Amino acid sequence: MTADVRSKPVGAGWWLAVCVMYVALAATYASLAFWRYDIFRAGYDDGAFTQIVHGTFAGFSTTVEGGANHFLVHWSPVLILALPFLDLFGGTKGLAALQALLVAAVIFPVWAMARERFSKPVAFAVTLIAACYPPLSAQGVGDFHELAFAPVLTACLVLAIDRRAWRWAIAVTIALVCVKEDQFVGCAAAGIFVVLLARRDPVQRRYGWLMTGIALAFALLYFGVVRRAIDATFPYWSLHYYQWWWFPPTAAGFVPWNSLVRPLYLVAVLAPLAFAPLASRYLLFALPGFAEVLLSHEGITMALNTQYGATWCGYLLCAFVDGSSTIGRRSYAGLAALLVVAMAISIWTSVYQSPIAPGFALYRRPDARDDDRERILRSLPGDASVWSHDPIFAHLSMDPNASVTMNGQEYLVFDLDQDRTEYESPPIRELLTSGAYAIELQRDGLAILRKRAPGPHDAR
């Protein structure tokens, strides 16, 4: 059977196989994320978003962002959907579970596109390669972020456009512009691309312009109404990534415009798909996401283990399906070779250059000591002011007063496996010798200092 022959209606057996693939992928992501959390390798965003979601109806804020309403930092009304998961799991693990379910779900629109282009076995193989895509694993296992909603939604947008299901395309566009403000740009550009690809189709042009209009309207709503209503003086911090004129080449994390980091980033994301997206028009839709990543002067946006890849990941996987179909129409043998190469590179990358950084994030198995540490942390008062670094902060983040900035909190919590140097530093020693703090507990690699209440003996 040639690759360009559309399959007959897909039977329940193949849908069941894809559902099994989804369950396996989501379970793998969740188990790895839980593992990372259990050994105290959860990160800054895990704790911050736990505080934000937990405070949905009480400030919608995190101490990491200075207690400001999160809408001043990012436009993310979609985060309200995470609240039941936080309550169900009792903390940060709920966000990890939600993220695993969301990111793994990208295989459904990928399968829906593939089954219209290939025979059932080939469509399943294409979907399996998408499921094994290494940058996707970084989105499923890494720190939680609102962009966890983006891969499946962007893939659904391409699917709706591909099927000319314009009402669905509009509905997905509205959902996307509620994820994060960078989707204003992505959806506006997608609408323009739809117009450019319409040729003489007035219906497609009309819906393309409508998509762009929706994105612009939400941009005006957020920047012109919402942020001004909350605090008109609060600066929009995210622009600093692109303010090259303010950052000298000596700044930490600075990446020069001519650095090899940028082309190597593109190679790293295209190679596991055997560069097939280059043969698809849907690659256009990934360009705004690539621009967001590559036009920054900071290396963090070009790190595959961060959330920024979610802006282009769904589009690129759909372009992989379409590009593979284009190649398959010319040569079935070429398609077979492409799929073998893509799977081989994906497996090699996952084993030797995995973006989830298993050497750090999963460096050992959880043990009884981790359970003891968790119990100790949960024994602290739920509303106490507590300071700690990122990995401990993620375990304390259901406490709205927990923070990663030390400013005289009632409790200071040190992970002696990672923070011993700071714990033994002169400033902390001075807090103890002066009597300002006393050691409340030191066990299982944790050191907890508690602020002493001033008494008569402290009077001068």
Protein backbone atom coordinates (compact mmCIF):
# COMPACT_ATOMS: atom_id res chain seq x y z
CA MET A 1 0.00 0.00 0.00
CA THR A 2 1.40 3.39 -0.93
CA ALA A 3 1.72 6.04 1.70
CA ASP A 4 -0.59 8.53 0.01
CA VAL A 5 -3.63 6.24 0.06
CA ARG A 6 -6.04 7.34 2.76
CA SER A 7 -7.04 4.56 5.12
CA LYS A 8 -10.55 3.25 5.57
CA PRO A 9 -12.34 4.19 8.81
CA VAL A 10 -10.12 3.19 11.67
CA GLY A 11 -11.44 0.27 13.72
CA ALA A 12 -11.77 0.19 17.46
CA GLY A 13 -8.65 -1.97 17.72
CA TRP A 14 -6.34 0.75 16.47
CA TRP A 15 -7.97 3.41 18.63
CA LEU A 16 -7.58 1.09 21.60
CA ALA A 17 -3.89 0.64 20.76
CA VAL A 18 -3.42 4.42 20.66
CA CYS A 19 -5.24 4.77 23.99
CA VAL A 20 -2.93 2.15 25.49
CA MET A 21 0.03 4.13 24.12
CA TYR A 22 -1.37 7.26 25.76
CA VAL A 23 -1.84 5.60 29.13
CA ALA A 24 1.67 4.15 29.01
CA LEU A 25 3.20 7.49 28.00
CA ALA A 26 1.30 9.52 30.61
CA ALA A 27 2.08 6.95 33.31
CA THR A 28 5.77 7.03 32.39
CA TYR A 29 5.87 10.82 32.53
CA ALA A 30 4.01 10.91 35.85
CA SER A 31 6.15 8.22 37.45
CA LEU A 32 9.36 9.99 36.45
CA ALA A 33 8.03 13.33 37.68
CA PHE A 34 7.00 11.77 41.00
CA TRP A 35 10.42 10.15 41.26
CA ARG A 36 12.09 13.52 40.72
CA TYR A 37 9.87 15.08 43.37
CA ASP A 38 10.37 12.25 45.89
CA ILE A 39 14.17 12.58 45.84
CA PHE A 40 13.94 16.36 46.29
CA ARG A 41 14.85 17.38 42.74
CA ALA A 42 11.66 19.33 42.03
CA GLY A 43 12.32 22.85 40.86
CA TYR A 44 11.50 26.49 41.28
CA ASP A 45 8.43 26.48 39.00
CA ASP A 46 6.95 23.41 40.68
CA GLY A 47 6.77 25.30 43.95
CA ALA A 48 5.74 28.62 42.45
CA PHE A 49 2.83 27.22 40.43
CA THR A 50 1.66 25.16 43.39
CA GLN A 51 1.34 28.37 45.40
CA ILE A 52 -0.35 30.18 42.49
CA VAL A 53 -2.93 27.47 41.81
CA HIS A 54 -3.51 26.84 45.54
CA GLY A 55 -4.26 30.55 45.90
CA THR A 56 -6.62 30.75 42.92
CA PHE A 57 -9.33 32.40 45.00
CA ALA A 58 -6.98 34.05 47.50
CA GLY A 59 -4.60 36.28 45.60
CA PHE A 60 -3.50 33.93 42.79
CA SER A 61 0.08 34.65 43.78
CA THR A 62 3.40 33.20 44.84
CA THR A 63 6.08 34.54 47.13
CA VAL A 64 8.54 33.91 44.28
CA GLU A 65 6.84 36.73 42.37
CA GLY A 66 6.71 39.00 45.39
CA GLY A 67 3.13 38.17 46.27
CA ALA A 68 1.81 39.98 43.19
CA ASN A 69 -1.20 38.63 41.34
CA HIS A 70 0.16 36.18 38.76
CA PHE A 71 -1.84 37.91 36.03
CA LEU A 72 0.68 40.73 36.28
CA VAL A 73 3.43 38.28 35.31
CA HIS A 74 1.63 36.00 32.85
CA TRP A 75 -1.87 35.71 31.41
CA SER A 76 -2.88 32.17 32.40
CA PRO A 77 -6.59 31.82 33.25
CA VAL A 78 -6.30 28.19 32.11
CA LEU A 79 -4.54 27.42 35.40
CA ILE A 80 -7.88 27.19 37.17
CA LEU A 81 -8.21 23.74 35.57
CA ALA A 82 -5.24 22.59 37.66
CA LEU A 83 -6.95 23.25 41.01
CA PRO A 84 -8.74 19.86 41.26
CA PHE A 85 -5.46 18.03 40.66
CA LEU A 86 -3.76 20.01 43.40
CA ASP A 87 -6.53 19.11 45.82
CA LEU A 88 -6.61 15.46 44.72
CA PHE A 89 -2.88 14.89 45.27
CA GLY A 90 -2.50 17.32 48.15
CA GLY A 91 0.30 19.34 46.59
CA THR A 92 2.84 19.62 43.81
CA LYS A 93 2.40 16.03 42.62
CA GLY A 94 -1.04 17.02 41.38
CA LEU A 95 0.50 19.47 38.93
CA ALA A 96 2.98 16.81 37.82
CA ALA A 97 0.11 14.38 37.15
CA LEU A 98 -1.84 16.99 35.19
CA GLN A 99 1.21 17.90 33.13
CA ALA A 100 1.85 14.24 32.28
CA LEU A 101 -1.74 13.79 31.13
CA LEU A 102 -1.71 16.98 29.06
CA VAL A 103 1.61 16.48 27.33
CA ALA A 104 1.00 12.82 26.50
CA ALA A 105 -2.36 13.78 24.96
CA VAL A 106 -0.56 15.32 21.97
CA ILE A 107 -0.45 11.84 20.44
CA PHE A 108 -4.22 11.93 19.80
CA PRO A 109 -4.21 14.78 17.25
CA VAL A 110 -0.98 13.33 15.80
CA TRP A 111 -2.71 9.97 15.34
CA ALA A 112 -5.79 11.66 13.88
CA MET A 113 -3.63 13.36 11.24
CA ALA A 114 -1.56 10.24 10.56
CA ARG A 115 -4.52 7.91 10.06
CA GLU A 116 -5.75 10.11 7.21
CA ARG A 117 -2.41 9.94 5.43
CA PHE A 118 -1.10 6.42 5.98
CA SER A 119 -2.16 2.84 6.36
CA LYS A 120 -3.05 1.91 9.92
CA PRO A 121 0.27 0.25 10.82
CA VAL A 122 2.30 3.12 9.36
CA ALA A 123 0.08 5.70 11.09
CA PHE A 124 0.63 3.89 14.38
CA ALA A 125 4.41 3.84 13.79
CA VAL A 126 4.41 7.57 13.05
CA THR A 127 2.44 8.22 16.26
CA LEU A 128 4.82 6.03 18.25
CA ILE A 129 7.79 8.05 16.99
CA ALA A 130 6.01 11.23 18.07
CA ALA A 131 5.43 9.69 21.51
CA CYS A 132 9.16 8.93 21.76
CA TYR A 133 10.19 12.47 20.74
CA PRO A 134 12.81 13.52 23.34
CA PRO A 135 11.82 17.22 23.68
CA LEU A 136 8.27 16.07 24.41
CA SER A 137 9.56 14.12 27.41
CA ALA A 138 11.09 17.31 28.79
CA GLN A 139 7.65 18.92 28.69
CA GLY A 140 6.05 15.91 30.39
CA VAL A 141 8.59 15.35 33.17
CA GLY A 142 10.12 18.78 33.86
CA ASP A 143 8.95 21.56 36.14
CA PHE A 144 5.25 22.37 35.81
CA HIS A 145 4.35 25.41 33.75
CA GLU A 146 1.19 26.80 32.18
CA LEU A 147 2.65 25.92 28.77
CA ALA A 148 1.92 22.27 29.59
CA PHE A 149 -1.44 22.99 27.95
CA ALA A 150 0.18 24.17 24.71
CA PRO A 151 1.44 21.03 22.89
CA VAL A 152 -1.92 19.27 22.69
CA LEU A 153 -3.80 22.48 21.88
CA THR A 154 -1.39 23.58 19.15
CA ALA A 155 -1.53 20.10 17.61
CA CYS A 156 -5.34 20.23 17.76
CA LEU A 157 -5.23 23.61 16.02
CA VAL A 158 -3.22 22.15 13.12
CA LEU A 159 -5.58 19.17 12.97
CA ALA A 160 -8.61 21.47 12.77
CA ILE A 161 -6.98 23.53 10.02
CA ASP A 162 -5.93 20.40 8.16
CA ARG A 163 -9.52 19.12 8.23
CA ARG A 164 -10.96 22.56 7.48
CA ALA A 165 -12.96 22.28 10.70
CA TRP A 166 -13.00 26.03 11.13
CA ARG A 167 -15.32 26.23 14.12
CA TRP A 168 -13.05 23.85 15.98
CA ALA A 169 -10.07 25.95 14.92
CA ILE A 170 -11.70 29.02 16.46
CA ALA A 171 -12.52 27.15 19.68
CA VAL A 172 -8.92 25.92 19.99
CA THR A 173 -7.61 29.42 19.26
CA ILE A 174 -9.67 30.79 22.16
CA ALA A 175 -8.32 28.05 24.43
CA LEU A 176 -4.73 28.77 23.37
CA VAL A 177 -4.91 32.50 24.06
CA CYS A 178 -5.96 31.62 27.62
CA VAL A 179 -2.75 29.62 28.17
CA LYS A 180 -0.09 32.33 28.13
CA GLU A 181 0.43 35.67 26.46
CA ASP A 182 3.04 34.37 24.02
CA GLN A 183 0.16 32.49 22.40
CA PHE A 184 -1.25 35.85 21.31
CA VAL A 185 1.66 36.03 18.88
CA GLY A 186 1.49 32.36 17.94
CA CYS A 187 -2.24 32.41 17.19
CA ALA A 188 -2.08 35.73 15.35
CA ALA A 189 0.69 34.34 13.16
CA ALA A 190 -1.21 31.08 12.65
CA GLY A 191 -4.20 33.04 11.40
CA ILE A 192 -2.00 34.93 8.95
CA PHE A 193 -0.48 31.66 7.73
CA VAL A 194 -4.00 30.29 7.19
CA VAL A 195 -4.77 33.34 5.07
CA LEU A 196 -1.57 32.98 3.06
CA LEU A 197 -2.28 29.30 2.40
CA ALA A 198 -5.89 29.94 1.42
CA ARG A 199 -5.16 30.80 -2.21
CA ARG A 200 -8.64 31.58 -3.58
CA ASP A 201 -10.66 30.14 -0.73
CA PRO A 202 -12.67 33.00 0.84
CA VAL A 203 -13.94 30.84 3.73
CA GLN A 204 -10.41 29.90 4.79
CA ARG A 205 -9.26 33.51 4.51
CA ARG A 206 -12.18 34.69 6.63
CA TYR A 207 -11.44 32.21 9.40
CA GLY A 208 -7.74 32.98 9.22
CA TRP A 209 -8.40 36.65 9.82
CA LEU A 210 -10.82 35.72 12.60
CA MET A 211 -8.09 33.72 14.34
CA THR A 212 -5.73 36.68 14.11
CA GLY A 213 -8.46 39.01 15.35
CA ILE A 214 -9.15 36.84 18.39
CA ALA A 215 -5.46 36.82 19.30
CA LEU A 216 -5.20 40.60 18.98
CA ALA A 217 -8.40 41.12 20.98
CA PHE A 218 -7.08 39.02 23.86
CA ALA A 219 -3.77 40.88 23.71
CA LEU A 220 -5.63 44.17 24.10
CA LEU A 221 -7.74 42.68 26.90
CA TYR A 222 -4.68 41.53 28.82
CA PHE A 223 -2.26 44.42 28.31
CA GLY A 224 -4.86 47.17 28.03
CA VAL A 225 -7.43 46.15 30.64
CA VAL A 226 -6.44 43.31 32.98
CA ARG A 227 -2.92 44.39 33.90
CA ARG A 228 -3.96 48.02 34.21
CA ALA A 229 -6.91 47.13 36.43
CA ILE A 230 -4.71 45.10 38.79
CA ASP A 231 -1.64 47.36 38.90
CA ALA A 232 -0.87 49.79 36.09
CA THR A 233 2.67 50.40 37.39
CA PHE A 234 3.80 46.76 37.48
CA PRO A 235 6.49 46.18 34.79
CA TYR A 236 6.15 43.42 32.22
CA TRP A 237 9.25 41.41 33.04
CA SER A 238 9.27 38.89 30.17
CA LEU A 239 10.49 41.45 27.63
CA HIS A 240 13.94 41.40 29.23
CA TYR A 241 14.86 38.33 27.19
CA TYR A 242 14.85 40.47 24.04
CA GLN A 243 16.29 43.73 25.36
CA TRP A 244 19.77 43.09 24.00
CA TRP A 245 20.85 46.69 24.51
CA TRP A 246 20.55 46.37 28.30
CA PHE A 247 22.61 43.21 28.67
CA PRO A 248 26.39 43.25 28.15
CA PRO A 249 28.14 40.15 26.78
CA THR A 250 29.54 39.54 30.26
CA ALA A 251 26.06 39.05 31.77
CA ALA A 252 25.35 35.62 33.24
CA GLY A 253 23.75 33.32 30.70
CA PHE A 254 24.29 35.73 27.80
CA VAL A 255 24.30 34.02 24.36
CA PRO A 256 25.81 36.12 21.51
CA TRP A 257 23.75 36.46 18.34
CA ASN A 258 26.32 34.45 16.35
CA SER A 259 26.62 31.62 18.87
CA LEU A 260 26.46 28.03 17.60
CA VAL A 261 23.91 27.37 20.32
CA ARG A 262 21.10 28.48 18.01
CA PRO A 263 21.77 26.26 14.96
CA LEU A 264 22.62 23.36 17.26
CA TYR A 265 19.28 23.85 18.99
CA LEU A 266 17.49 23.51 15.66
CA VAL A 267 19.47 20.38 14.83
CA ALA A 268 18.64 18.91 18.23
CA VAL A 269 14.88 19.38 17.75
CA LEU A 270 14.71 18.37 14.08
CA ALA A 271 17.09 15.38 14.05
CA PRO A 272 14.86 13.08 16.18
CA LEU A 273 12.17 13.66 13.53
CA ALA A 274 14.67 12.96 10.71
CA PHE A 275 14.14 16.55 9.50
CA ALA A 276 10.78 15.53 7.98
CA PRO A 277 9.01 18.72 9.23
CA LEU A 278 11.05 20.66 6.66
CA ALA A 279 8.87 19.05 3.98
CA SER A 280 5.63 20.36 5.47
CA ARG A 281 3.85 23.70 5.20
CA TYR A 282 2.84 23.28 8.83
CA LEU A 283 6.40 24.06 9.86
CA LEU A 284 5.35 27.68 9.36
CA PHE A 285 3.18 27.46 12.46
CA ALA A 286 6.19 26.56 14.62
CA LEU A 287 8.14 29.65 13.53
CA PRO A 288 6.77 32.04 16.21
CA GLY A 289 7.75 29.53 18.91
CA PHE A 290 11.22 29.15 17.45
CA ALA A 291 11.52 32.93 17.28
CA GLU A 292 10.56 33.24 20.96
CA VAL A 293 13.31 30.80 21.83
CA LEU A 294 16.08 31.82 19.44
CA LEU A 295 15.78 35.62 19.52
CA SER A 296 16.46 35.68 23.26
CA HIS A 297 19.90 36.60 24.54
CA GLU A 298 19.60 34.16 27.45
CA GLY A 299 20.57 30.52 27.14
CA ILE A 300 17.72 29.32 29.34
CA THR A 301 15.23 29.66 26.50
CA MET A 302 17.41 27.40 24.34
CA ALA A 303 17.70 24.66 26.94
CA LEU A 304 15.60 21.68 25.90
CA ASN A 305 14.77 20.81 29.51
CA THR A 306 12.78 24.04 29.98
CA GLN A 307 9.17 24.86 29.16
CA TYR A 308 9.93 27.09 26.16
CA GLY A 309 9.91 24.14 23.77
CA ALA A 310 6.19 23.72 24.41
CA THR A 311 5.51 26.73 22.20
CA TRP A 312 6.59 24.88 19.03
CA CYS A 313 6.45 21.18 20.00
CA GLY A 314 2.85 20.43 18.96
CA TYR A 315 3.21 22.26 15.66
CA LEU A 316 6.46 20.43 14.88
CA LEU A 317 4.98 17.00 15.54
CA CYS A 318 2.11 17.73 13.16
CA ALA A 319 4.61 18.97 10.59
CA PHE A 320 6.43 15.66 11.05
CA VAL A 321 3.28 13.75 10.13
CA ASP A 322 2.59 15.93 7.11
CA GLY A 323 6.22 16.01 5.99
CA SER A 324 6.52 12.24 6.28
CA SER A 325 3.42 11.91 4.12
CA THR A 326 4.95 14.18 1.48
CA ILE A 327 8.10 12.06 1.42
CA GLY A 328 6.05 8.85 1.37
CA ARG A 329 4.15 9.92 -1.73
CA ARG A 330 7.44 10.14 -3.57
CA SER A 331 9.02 6.98 -2.21
CA TYR A 332 7.62 4.38 0.15
CA ALA A 333 11.16 3.10 0.73
CA GLY A 334 12.21 6.65 1.57
CA LEU A 335 9.39 6.87 4.11
CA ALA A 336 10.42 3.58 5.71
CA ALA A 337 14.03 4.73 5.97
CA LEU A 338 12.93 8.07 7.43
CA LEU A 339 10.87 6.41 10.16
CA VAL A 340 13.69 4.04 11.08
CA VAL A 341 16.18 6.92 11.27
CA ALA A 342 13.79 9.05 13.34
CA MET A 343 13.18 6.28 15.84
CA ALA A 344 16.88 5.44 16.09
CA ILE A 345 17.86 9.08 16.74
CA SER A 346 15.06 9.48 19.29
CA ILE A 347 16.17 6.38 21.19
CA TRP A 348 19.85 7.40 21.06
CA THR A 349 18.99 10.91 22.28
CA SER A 350 16.83 9.60 25.12
CA VAL A 351 19.60 7.25 26.25
CA TYR A 352 22.64 9.49 25.90
CA GLN A 353 21.42 13.12 25.69
CA SER A 354 18.02 13.06 27.35
CA PRO A 355 16.57 16.54 27.93
CA ILE A 356 15.09 15.38 31.24
CA ALA A 357 18.68 15.24 32.56
CA PRO A 358 18.32 11.92 34.42
CA GLY A 359 21.84 12.20 35.84
CA PHE A 360 20.60 15.10 37.93
CA ALA A 361 16.82 14.74 38.16
CA LEU A 362 16.71 10.97 38.65
CA TYR A 363 20.17 10.31 40.03
CA ARG A 364 19.01 7.79 42.64
CA ARG A 365 15.93 5.88 43.70
CA PRO A 366 13.65 7.19 46.45
CA ASP A 367 14.28 5.60 49.84
CA ALA A 368 12.97 5.59 53.41
CA ARG A 369 15.05 8.65 54.25
CA ASP A 370 13.08 10.65 51.69
CA ASP A 371 9.83 9.59 53.36
CA ASP A 372 11.18 10.75 56.72
CA ARG A 373 12.18 14.10 55.25
CA GLU A 374 8.71 14.52 53.81
CA ARG A 375 7.09 13.80 57.18
CA ILE A 376 9.37 16.31 58.88
CA LEU A 377 8.45 19.04 56.40
CA ARG A 378 4.75 18.28 56.72
CA SER A 379 5.04 18.66 60.49
CA LEU A 380 5.80 22.37 60.11
CA PRO A 381 2.82 24.70 60.64
CA GLY A 382 0.84 25.02 57.42
CA ASP A 383 0.84 28.81 57.42
CA ALA A 384 4.26 29.50 58.94
CA SER A 385 6.77 31.73 57.18
CA VAL A 386 9.44 29.33 55.93
CA TRP A 387 12.55 29.83 53.83
CA SER A 388 14.32 27.20 51.78
CA HIS A 389 15.92 26.61 48.38
CA ASP A 390 14.02 25.31 45.34
CA PRO A 391 13.91 21.52 45.97
CA ILE A 392 12.62 21.93 49.54
CA PHE A 393 10.42 24.87 48.55
CA ALA A 394 8.47 22.62 46.18
CA HIS A 395 7.62 20.38 49.16
CA LEU A 396 6.51 23.36 51.25
CA SER A 397 4.58 25.25 48.59
CA MET A 398 1.08 24.48 49.85
CA ASP A 399 2.13 26.95 52.55
CA PRO A 400 1.34 30.40 51.08
CA ASN A 401 4.13 31.92 53.19
CA ALA A 402 6.93 29.62 52.05
CA SER A 403 9.62 31.44 50.08
CA VAL A 404 13.00 31.07 48.42
CA THR A 405 14.05 34.55 49.55
CA MET A 406 15.45 34.77 53.08
CA ASN A 407 14.00 37.74 54.94
CA GLY A 408 13.66 36.81 58.61
CA GLN A 409 11.20 33.94 58.32
CA GLU A 410 10.19 31.96 61.40
CA TYR A 411 11.78 28.80 59.98
CA LEU A 412 14.88 28.30 57.83
CA VAL A 413 15.15 24.86 56.23
CA PHE A 414 18.43 23.60 54.80
CA ASP A 415 18.92 20.48 52.73
CA LEU A 416 22.35 19.46 53.99
CA ASP A 417 22.90 17.26 50.93
CA GLN A 418 22.85 20.38 48.76
CA ASP A 419 23.03 23.42 51.06
CA ARG A 420 25.69 22.41 53.60
CA THR A 421 28.11 25.10 52.46
CA GLU A 422 25.51 27.80 53.01
CA TYR A 423 24.38 26.25 56.28
CA GLU A 424 27.97 26.40 57.58
CA SER A 425 28.61 29.89 56.20
CA PRO A 426 29.45 32.80 58.55
CA PRO A 427 26.07 34.59 58.17
CA ILE A 428 24.12 31.49 59.24
CA ARG A 429 26.60 30.71 62.02
CA GLU A 430 26.12 34.28 63.25
CA LEU A 431 22.33 33.80 63.38
CA LEU A 432 22.89 30.82 65.67
CA THR A 433 25.63 32.23 67.89
CA SER A 434 23.73 35.49 68.37
CA GLY A 435 20.67 33.60 69.52
CA ALA A 436 18.47 34.99 66.76
CA TYR A 437 17.77 31.43 65.64
CA ALA A 438 18.07 28.05 67.34
CA ILE A 439 18.33 24.59 65.81
CA GLU A 440 14.84 23.13 65.92
CA LEU A 441 15.80 19.82 64.31
CA GLN A 442 18.70 18.24 62.44
CA ARG A 443 17.96 14.82 61.00
CA ASP A 444 17.80 12.90 57.72
CA GLY A 445 19.86 15.52 55.94
CA LEU A 446 17.60 18.39 57.00
CA ALA A 447 18.53 21.23 59.31
CA ILE A 448 15.64 23.39 60.52
CA LEU A 449 16.35 26.63 62.35
CA ARG A 450 13.60 28.44 64.22
CA LYS A 451 13.53 32.11 65.02
CA ARG A 452 13.67 32.82 68.73
CA ALA A 453 11.08 35.09 70.22
CA PRO A 454 12.78 38.06 71.95
CA GLY A 455 12.69 37.83 75.73
CA PRO A 456 13.81 39.88 78.73
CA HIS A 457 17.28 38.34 78.50
CA ASP A 458 17.67 39.88 75.06
CA ALA A 459 17.24 43.42 76.28
CA ARG A 460 20.27 45.65 76.09
